[in-house]
C-alpha atoms as a PDB file:
ATOM      1  CA  UNK A   1      -0.099   0.193   0.251  1.00  0.00           C
ATOM      2  CA  UNK A   2       1.302   3.390  -0.935  1.00  0.00           C
ATOM      3  CA  UNK A   3       1.308   5.572   1.302  1.00  0.00           C
ATOM      4  CA  UNK A   4      -0.705   7.855   0.027  1.00  0.00           C
ATOM      5  CA  UNK A   5      -2.806   5.500  -0.608  1.00  0.00           C
ATOM      6  CA  UNK A   6      -2.610   4.274   3.581  1.00  0.00           C
ATOM      7  CA  UNK A   7      -3.578   8.249   4.619  1.00  0.00           C
ATOM      8  CA  UNK A   8      -6.512   8.069   2.705  1.00  0.00           C
ATOM      9  CA  UNK A   9      -7.404   4.448   4.395  1.00  0.00           C
ATOM     10  CA  UNK A  10      -5.675   5.805   8.221  1.00  0.00           C
ATOM     11  CA  UNK A  11      -7.845   9.481   7.541  1.00  0.00           C
ATOM     12  CA  UNK A  12     -11.637   7.707   6.370  1.00  0.00           C
ATOM     13  CA  UNK A  13     -11.448   5.518   9.362  1.00  0.00           C
ATOM     14  CA  UNK A  14     -10.749   7.951  11.350  1.00  0.00           C
ATOM     15  CA  UNK A  15     -13.289   9.497  10.596  1.00  0.00           C
ATOM     16  CA  UNK A  16     -15.904   6.020  10.595  1.00  0.00           C
ATOM     17  CA  UNK A  17     -14.432   5.804  14.593  1.00  0.00           C
ATOM     18  CA  UNK A  18     -15.764   9.192  15.139  1.00  0.00           C
ATOM     19  CA  UNK A  19     -19.044   9.698  13.480  1.00  0.00           C
ATOM     20  CA  UNK A  20     -19.437   5.783  15.572  1.00  0.00           C
ATOM     21  CA  UNK A  21     -18.760   7.798  19.121  1.00  0.00           C
ATOM     22  CA  UNK A  22     -20.773  10.266  18.723  1.00  0.00           C
ATOM     23  CA  UNK A  23     -17.525  13.248  17.932  1.00  0.00           C
ATOM     24  CA  UNK A  24     -16.688  15.841  15.444  1.00  0.00           C
ATOM     25  CA  UNK A  25     -12.944  15.638  15.256  1.00  0.00           C
ATOM     26  CA  UNK A  26     -11.771  18.023  12.989  1.00  0.00           C
ATOM     27  CA  UNK A  27      -8.319  16.495  11.216  1.00  0.00           C
ATOM     28  CA  UNK A  28      -5.608  18.706  10.375  1.00  0.00           C
ATOM     29  CA  UNK A  29      -4.409  18.591   6.873  1.00  0.00           C
ATOM     30  CA  UNK A  30      -1.088  18.159   6.821  1.00  0.00           C
ATOM     31  CA  UNK A  31       0.612  15.310   5.804  1.00  0.00           C
ATOM     32  CA  UNK A  32       2.615  14.317   8.641  1.00  0.00           C
ATOM     33  CA  UNK A  33       3.382  11.009  11.292  1.00  0.00           C
ATOM     34  CA  UNK A  34       4.546  10.828  14.898  1.00  0.00           C
ATOM     35  CA  UNK A  35       1.734  11.221  15.426  1.00  0.00           C
ATOM     36  CA  UNK A  36      -0.611  10.421  12.835  1.00  0.00           C
ATOM     37  CA  UNK A  37      -3.102  12.886  12.413  1.00  0.00           C
ATOM     38  CA  UNK A  38      -3.120  16.460  15.185  1.00  0.00           C
ATOM     39  CA  UNK A  39      -7.120  16.855  15.745  1.00  0.00           C
ATOM     40  CA  UNK A  40      -9.556  19.035  17.197  1.00  0.00           C
ATOM     41  CA  UNK A  41     -12.592  18.653  18.998  1.00  0.00           C
ATOM     42  CA  UNK A  42     -14.202  21.664  21.086  1.00  0.00           C
ATOM     43  CA  UNK A  43     -11.721  23.485  22.697  1.00  0.00           C
ATOM     44  CA  UNK A  44      -9.743  20.038  23.067  1.00  0.00           C
ATOM     45  CA  UNK A  45      -6.418  19.406  20.462  1.00  0.00           C
ATOM     46  CA  UNK A  46      -5.148  16.338  20.546  1.00  0.00           C
ATOM     47  CA  UNK A  47      -2.356  14.040  18.813  1.00  0.00           C
ATOM     48  CA  UNK A  48      -3.956  10.454  17.942  1.00  0.00           C
ATOM     49  CA  UNK A  49      -1.898   7.392  15.959  1.00  0.00           C
ATOM     50  CA  UNK A  50      -3.526   5.331  14.426  1.00  0.00           C
ATOM     51  CA  UNK A  51      -2.243   1.451  13.403  1.00  0.00           C
ATOM     52  CA  UNK A  52      -3.818  -1.792  11.611  1.00  0.00           C
ATOM     53  CA  UNK A  53      -3.659  -5.391  14.391  1.00  0.00           C
ATOM     54  CA  UNK A  54      -3.927  -8.504  12.642  1.00  0.00           C
ATOM     55  CA  UNK A  55      -4.356 -11.742  13.597  1.00  0.00           C
ATOM     56  CA  UNK A  56      -2.696 -15.265  12.425  1.00  0.00           C
ATOM     57  CA  UNK A  57       1.188 -15.463  12.615  1.00  0.00           C
ATOM     58  CA  UNK A  58       2.761 -12.149  12.399  1.00  0.00           C
ATOM     59  CA  UNK A  59       7.022 -12.037  11.891  1.00  0.00           C
ATOM     60  CA  UNK A  60       9.098  -8.585  11.073  1.00  0.00           C
ATOM     61  CA  UNK A  61       7.321  -8.068   8.291  1.00  0.00           C
ATOM     62  CA  UNK A  62       3.846  -7.886   9.300  1.00  0.00           C
ATOM     63  CA  UNK A  63       0.433 -10.259   9.012  1.00  0.00           C
ATOM     64  CA  UNK A  64       1.052 -13.423   6.709  1.00  0.00           C
ATOM     65  CA  UNK A  65      -2.484 -13.497   7.236  1.00  0.00           C
ATOM     66  CA  UNK A  66      -2.149  -9.846   5.175  1.00  0.00           C
ATOM     67  CA  UNK A  67      -0.136 -10.680   2.656  1.00  0.00           C
ATOM     68  CA  UNK A  68      -1.774 -13.268   1.563  1.00  0.00           C
ATOM     69  CA  UNK A  69      -5.053 -10.781   1.376  1.00  0.00           C
ATOM     70  CA  UNK A  70      -3.395  -7.948   0.191  1.00  0.00           C
ATOM     71  CA  UNK A  71      -1.560 -10.419  -2.419  1.00  0.00           C
ATOM     72  CA  UNK A  72      -5.233 -11.716  -4.079  1.00  0.00           C
ATOM     73  CA  UNK A  73      -6.815  -7.614  -3.790  1.00  0.00           C
ATOM     74  CA  UNK A  74      -3.996  -6.819  -6.922  1.00  0.00           C
ATOM     75  CA  UNK A  75      -4.891  -9.473  -8.564  1.00  0.00           C
ATOM     76  CA  UNK A  76      -8.241  -8.747  -8.556  1.00  0.00           C
ATOM     77  CA  UNK A  77      -7.277  -5.213  -9.000  1.00  0.00           C
ATOM     78  CA  UNK A  78      -5.105  -6.713 -12.784  1.00  0.00           C
ATOM     79  CA  UNK A  79      -8.280  -8.696 -13.224  1.00  0.00           C
ATOM     80  CA  UNK A  80     -10.917  -5.429 -13.391  1.00  0.00           C
ATOM     81  CA  UNK A  81      -8.735  -3.221 -14.612  1.00  0.00           C
ATOM     82  CA  UNK A  82      -8.228  -5.402 -17.473  1.00  0.00           C
ATOM     83  CA  UNK A  83     -11.850  -6.511 -18.157  1.00  0.00           C
ATOM     84  CA  UNK A  84     -12.585  -3.185 -17.439  1.00  0.00           C
ATOM     85  CA  UNK A  85     -10.743  -2.104 -20.452  1.00  0.00           C
ATOM     86  CA  UNK A  86     -12.469  -4.566 -22.591  1.00  0.00           C
ATOM     87  CA  UNK A  87     -15.628  -3.457 -21.559  1.00  0.00           C
ATOM     88  CA  UNK A  88     -16.236  -0.543 -19.032  1.00  0.00           C
ATOM     89  CA  UNK A  89     -19.610  -1.990 -16.481  1.00  0.00           C
ATOM     90  CA  UNK A  90     -19.584  -1.925 -13.572  1.00  0.00           C
ATOM     91  CA  UNK A  91     -19.771  -5.302 -11.540  1.00  0.00           C
ATOM     92  CA  UNK A  92     -19.669  -6.410  -7.904  1.00  0.00           C
ATOM     93  CA  UNK A  93     -17.802  -9.989  -8.807  1.00  0.00           C
ATOM     94  CA  UNK A  94     -16.878 -11.856  -5.844  1.00  0.00           C
ATOM     95  CA  UNK A  95     -15.081 -14.966  -6.139  1.00  0.00           C
ATOM     96  CA  UNK A  96     -15.254 -18.083  -4.229  1.00  0.00           C
ATOM     97  CA  UNK A  97     -12.528 -20.858  -4.210  1.00  0.00           C
ATOM     98  CA  UNK A  98      -8.335 -20.067  -4.701  1.00  0.00           C
ATOM     99  CA  UNK A  99      -7.097 -18.494  -7.262  1.00  0.00           C
ATOM    100  CA  UNK A 100      -4.707 -19.713 -10.413  1.00  0.00           C
ATOM    101  CA  UNK A 101      -2.858 -19.150 -13.591  1.00  0.00           C
ATOM    102  CA  UNK A 102      -5.275 -21.363 -15.290  1.00  0.00           C
ATOM    103  CA  UNK A 103      -8.966 -20.060 -13.593  1.00  0.00           C
ATOM    104  CA  UNK A 104      -7.330 -16.204 -13.501  1.00  0.00           C
ATOM    105  CA  UNK A 105      -6.835 -16.355 -17.584  1.00  0.00           C
ATOM    106  CA  UNK A 106     -10.640 -17.598 -18.004  1.00  0.00           C
ATOM    107  CA  UNK A 107     -12.342 -14.819 -15.738  1.00  0.00           C
ATOM    108  CA  UNK A 108     -12.037 -12.423 -18.381  1.00  0.00           C
ATOM    109  CA  UNK A 109     -13.476 -13.637 -20.953  1.00  0.00           C
ATOM    110  CA  UNK A 110     -15.583 -15.644 -19.908  1.00  0.00           C
ATOM    111  CA  UNK A 111     -16.490 -12.252 -17.910  1.00  0.00           C
ATOM    112  CA  UNK A 112     -17.121 -10.448 -21.229  1.00  0.00           C
ATOM    113  CA  UNK A 113     -19.005 -13.245 -23.520  1.00  0.00           C
ATOM    114  CA  UNK A 114     -22.416 -13.106 -21.147  1.00  0.00           C
ATOM    115  CA  UNK A 115     -22.141  -8.858 -22.941  1.00  0.00           C
ATOM    116  CA  UNK A 116     -23.248  -8.056 -19.449  1.00  0.00           C
ATOM    117  CA  UNK A 117     -23.252  -4.062 -20.435  1.00  0.00           C
ATOM    118  CA  UNK A 118     -26.208  -5.651 -22.670  1.00  0.00           C
ATOM    119  CA  UNK A 119     -28.113  -6.001 -18.727  1.00  0.00           C
ATOM    120  CA  UNK A 120     -30.396  -3.539 -16.500  1.00  0.00           C
ATOM    121  CA  UNK A 121     -28.858  -2.670 -12.793  1.00  0.00           C
ATOM    122  CA  UNK A 122     -29.024  -5.995 -10.525  1.00  0.00           C
ATOM    123  CA  UNK A 123     -28.368  -8.363 -13.126  1.00  0.00           C
ATOM    124  CA  UNK A 124     -26.860 -12.000 -11.425  1.00  0.00           C
ATOM    125  CA  UNK A 125     -25.858 -14.558 -12.486  1.00  0.00           C
ATOM    126  CA  UNK A 126     -23.948 -17.409 -11.216  1.00  0.00           C
ATOM    127  CA  UNK A 127     -20.237 -18.933 -13.378  1.00  0.00           C
ATOM    128  CA  UNK A 128     -18.829 -22.046 -12.277  1.00  0.00           C
ATOM    129  CA  UNK A 129     -14.502 -22.353 -13.994  1.00  0.00           C
ATOM    130  CA  UNK A 130     -14.020 -25.224 -12.745  1.00  0.00           C
ATOM    131  CA  UNK A 131     -10.912 -26.128 -10.870  1.00  0.00           C
ATOM    132  CA  UNK A 132     -13.581 -25.175  -7.608  1.00  0.00           C
ATOM    133  CA  UNK A 133     -13.552 -21.444  -8.758  1.00  0.00           C
ATOM    134  CA  UNK A 134     -16.848 -20.690  -8.596  1.00  0.00           C
ATOM    135  CA  UNK A 135     -18.581 -16.145  -9.517  1.00  0.00           C
ATOM    136  CA  UNK A 136     -20.706 -14.055  -8.146  1.00  0.00           C
ATOM    137  CA  UNK A 137     -20.907 -11.653 -10.536  1.00  0.00           C
ATOM    138  CA  UNK A 138     -24.107  -8.786 -10.401  1.00  0.00           C
ATOM    139  CA  UNK A 139     -24.713  -5.186 -13.036  1.00  0.00           C
ATOM    140  CA  UNK A 140     -23.845  -2.579 -10.506  1.00  0.00           C
ATOM    141  CA  UNK A 141     -23.084   1.183  -9.724  1.00  0.00           C
ATOM    142  CA  UNK A 142     -19.712   0.551  -9.168  1.00  0.00           C
ATOM    143  CA  UNK A 143     -17.029  -1.662  -9.617  1.00  0.00           C
ATOM    144  CA  UNK A 144     -16.259  -4.403  -6.085  1.00  0.00           C
ATOM    145  CA  UNK A 145     -13.995  -7.705  -7.124  1.00  0.00           C
ATOM    146  CA  UNK A 146     -13.578  -9.454  -3.697  1.00  0.00           C
ATOM    147  CA  UNK A 147     -12.525 -13.015  -2.564  1.00  0.00           C
ATOM    148  CA  UNK A 148     -15.354 -14.687  -0.355  1.00  0.00           C
ATOM    149  CA  UNK A 149     -12.412 -17.041   1.037  1.00  0.00           C
ATOM    150  CA  UNK A 150     -10.821 -13.575   2.493  1.00  0.00           C
ATOM    151  CA  UNK A 151     -13.941 -11.959   4.202  1.00  0.00           C
ATOM    152  CA  UNK A 152     -15.443 -15.370   5.393  1.00  0.00           C
ATOM    153  CA  UNK A 153     -13.376 -17.315   8.399  1.00  0.00           C
ATOM    154  CA  UNK A 154     -12.332 -17.860  11.366  1.00  0.00           C
ATOM    155  CA  UNK A 155     -12.438 -14.901  14.767  1.00  0.00           C
ATOM    156  CA  UNK A 156     -10.724 -14.487  17.462  1.00  0.00           C
ATOM    157  CA  UNK A 157     -12.416 -13.414  20.475  1.00  0.00           C
ATOM    158  CA  UNK A 158      -9.882 -13.795  22.562  1.00  0.00           C
ATOM    159  CA  UNK A 159      -7.660 -10.728  21.424  1.00  0.00           C
ATOM    160  CA  UNK A 160      -6.086  -8.867  25.132  1.00  0.00           C
ATOM    161  CA  UNK A 161      -2.143 -10.254  23.641  1.00  0.00           C
ATOM    162  CA  UNK A 162      -2.479  -8.886  20.244  1.00  0.00           C
ATOM    163  CA  UNK A 163      -4.069  -5.414  21.995  1.00  0.00           C
ATOM    164  CA  UNK A 164      -1.048  -5.063  25.472  1.00  0.00           C
ATOM    165  CA  UNK A 165       1.322  -6.258  22.583  1.00  0.00           C
ATOM    166  CA  UNK A 166       0.236  -3.370  19.971  1.00  0.00           C
ATOM    167  CA  UNK A 167      -0.216  -0.726  22.415  1.00  0.00           C
ATOM    168  CA  UNK A 168       3.131  -1.766  24.042  1.00  0.00           C
ATOM    169  CA  UNK A 169       5.077  -1.231  20.854  1.00  0.00           C
ATOM    170  CA  UNK A 170       3.511   2.144  19.916  1.00  0.00           C
ATOM    171  CA  UNK A 171       4.112   3.363  23.259  1.00  0.00           C
ATOM    172  CA  UNK A 172       8.325   3.305  22.429  1.00  0.00           C
ATOM    173  CA  UNK A 173       7.061   6.719  20.312  1.00  0.00           C
ATOM    174  CA  UNK A 174       5.590   8.152  23.293  1.00  0.00           C
ATOM    175  CA  UNK A 175       8.144  10.913  23.433  1.00  0.00           C
ATOM    176  CA  UNK A 176       8.275  11.297  19.177  1.00  0.00           C
ATOM    177  CA  UNK A 177       4.559  11.955  19.522  1.00  0.00           C
ATOM    178  CA  UNK A 178       5.013  14.094  22.262  1.00  0.00           C
ATOM    179  CA  UNK A 179       7.021  16.208  20.251  1.00  0.00           C
ATOM    180  CA  UNK A 180       4.599  16.650  17.711  1.00  0.00           C
ATOM    181  CA  UNK A 181       1.958  17.198  19.210  1.00  0.00           C
ATOM    182  CA  UNK A 182       2.051  17.465  23.424  1.00  0.00           C
ATOM    183  CA  UNK A 183       0.672  15.539  25.722  1.00  0.00           C
ATOM    184  CA  UNK A 184      -2.776  14.506  25.174  1.00  0.00           C
ATOM    185  CA  UNK A 185      -1.966  11.909  23.335  1.00  0.00           C
ATOM    186  CA  UNK A 186      -4.144   9.057  22.078  1.00  0.00           C
ATOM    187  CA  UNK A 187      -4.606   5.610  19.762  1.00  0.00           C
ATOM    188  CA  UNK A 188      -6.674   3.889  17.428  1.00  0.00           C
ATOM    189  CA  UNK A 189      -6.550   0.687  17.183  1.00  0.00           C
ATOM    190  CA  UNK A 190      -8.058  -1.117  13.656  1.00  0.00           C
ATOM    191  CA  UNK A 191      -9.166  -4.278  13.229  1.00  0.00           C
ATOM    192  CA  UNK A 192     -10.940  -4.680  10.453  1.00  0.00           C
ATOM    193  CA  UNK A 193     -14.042  -6.801  10.319  1.00  0.00           C
ATOM    194  CA  UNK A 194     -14.445  -7.139   6.260  1.00  0.00           C
ATOM    195  CA  UNK A 195     -11.373  -9.237   6.329  1.00  0.00           C
ATOM    196  CA  UNK A 196     -10.252 -12.471   8.445  1.00  0.00           C
ATOM    197  CA  UNK A 197      -6.971 -10.562   9.045  1.00  0.00           C
ATOM    198  CA  UNK A 198      -8.432  -8.573  10.963  1.00  0.00           C
ATOM    199  CA  UNK A 199     -11.436 -10.492  12.923  1.00  0.00           C
ATOM    200  CA  UNK A 200     -10.200  -9.338  16.426  1.00  0.00           C
ATOM    201  CA  UNK A 201     -12.927  -9.286  19.867  1.00  0.00           C
ATOM    202  CA  UNK A 202     -12.456  -7.706  23.157  1.00  0.00           C
ATOM    203  CA  UNK A 203     -15.229  -8.333  25.284  1.00  0.00           C
ATOM    204  CA  UNK A 204     -16.990  -6.135  27.422  1.00  0.00           C
ATOM    205  CA  UNK A 205     -14.610  -7.644  30.702  1.00  0.00           C
ATOM    206  CA  UNK A 206     -11.217  -6.876  28.603  1.00  0.00           C
ATOM    207  CA  UNK A 207      -9.853  -3.677  29.670  1.00  0.00           C
ATOM    208  CA  UNK A 208      -6.023  -3.658  28.311  1.00  0.00           C
ATOM    209  CA  UNK A 209      -3.509  -0.940  29.503  1.00  0.00           C
ATOM    210  CA  UNK A 210      -3.460   2.195  28.064  1.00  0.00           C
ATOM    211  CA  UNK A 211       0.897   2.644  28.383  1.00  0.00           C
ATOM    212  CA  UNK A 212       0.648   6.390  29.316  1.00  0.00           C
ATOM    213  CA  UNK A 213      -1.609   7.435  25.819  1.00  0.00           C
ATOM    214  CA  UNK A 214      -4.734   9.846  27.728  1.00  0.00           C
ATOM    215  CA  UNK A 215      -6.913   7.312  26.252  1.00  0.00           C
ATOM    216  CA  UNK A 216      -6.796   4.364  23.935  1.00  0.00           C
ATOM    217  CA  UNK A 217      -9.961   3.522  20.968  1.00  0.00           C
ATOM    218  CA  UNK A 218     -10.009   0.211  19.870  1.00  0.00           C
ATOM    219  CA  UNK A 219     -12.445   0.147  16.680  1.00  0.00           C
ATOM    220  CA  UNK A 220     -12.912  -3.621  15.434  1.00  0.00           C
ATOM    221  CA  UNK A 221     -14.497  -1.665  11.873  1.00  0.00           C
ATOM    222  CA  UNK A 222     -17.203  -1.414  12.027  1.00  0.00           C
ATOM    223  CA  UNK A 223     -18.209  -2.424  15.070  1.00  0.00           C
ATOM    224  CA  UNK A 224     -18.905   0.141  17.509  1.00  0.00           C
ATOM    225  CA  UNK A 225     -15.253   1.485  19.141  1.00  0.00           C
ATOM    226  CA  UNK A 226     -14.628  -0.086  22.955  1.00  0.00           C
ATOM    227  CA  UNK A 227     -12.644   3.583  24.916  1.00  0.00           C
ATOM    228  CA  UNK A 228     -10.234   2.808  27.004  1.00  0.00           C
ATOM    229  CA  UNK A 229      -8.788   5.856  29.113  1.00  0.00           C
ATOM    230  CA  UNK A 230      -5.912   5.864  31.602  1.00  0.00           C
ATOM    231  CA  UNK A 231      -6.016   5.674  34.604  1.00  0.00           C
ATOM    232  CA  UNK A 232      -4.987   9.527  36.867  1.00  0.00           C
ATOM    233  CA  UNK A 233      -1.679   7.594  38.270  1.00  0.00           C
ATOM    234  CA  UNK A 234      -0.581   6.160  35.122  1.00  0.00           C
ATOM    235  CA  UNK A 235      -1.639   9.275  32.792  1.00  0.00           C
END
């Protein structure tokens, strides 16, 4: 993910979190880091660092699940562009099954052969390609190509360890955050429930340490945000 794309995603996630919290957060427009944003809320200004967290195996390169999802996303984007180069018809394509060079090569010709440009919006069909690959295709108002395999899967319902580790890791940068944005520094941790790699859940009984952040927000997007405020003697 390029830096501009990453920054747009972070801004989107912050805006969605604020909406769910019932807050009016005004974000600075500067392309900044350390922390990611300076936020104004009424008379308050605070620094906000944003970090996505993932389930499954992790190493120095990050989440193995997330890397797999990103690879499939790039393949689907290439298919979408290939299809739209031939016929600019927006489709919602849900792919079920594994992708291989053989199955990938067959997708665009099969969709072009259906002449979906002549069909009404909402027209739906199912295409089987063998090798366990099935396409659920709907003519839409805007394109969306996704892998169902990466949207439906196991949920980690005991995410306290992952959340705690992420907070501790980010707390190592608090001095830099405070130098750039003052003493009120907050952390937004995002677990994207739209993808398997982000299906982490905290129960209401779980309370991670804030590790020097004034507030830690846990956002299991697109579900409600959980708020953890530093204890007076821990601020």
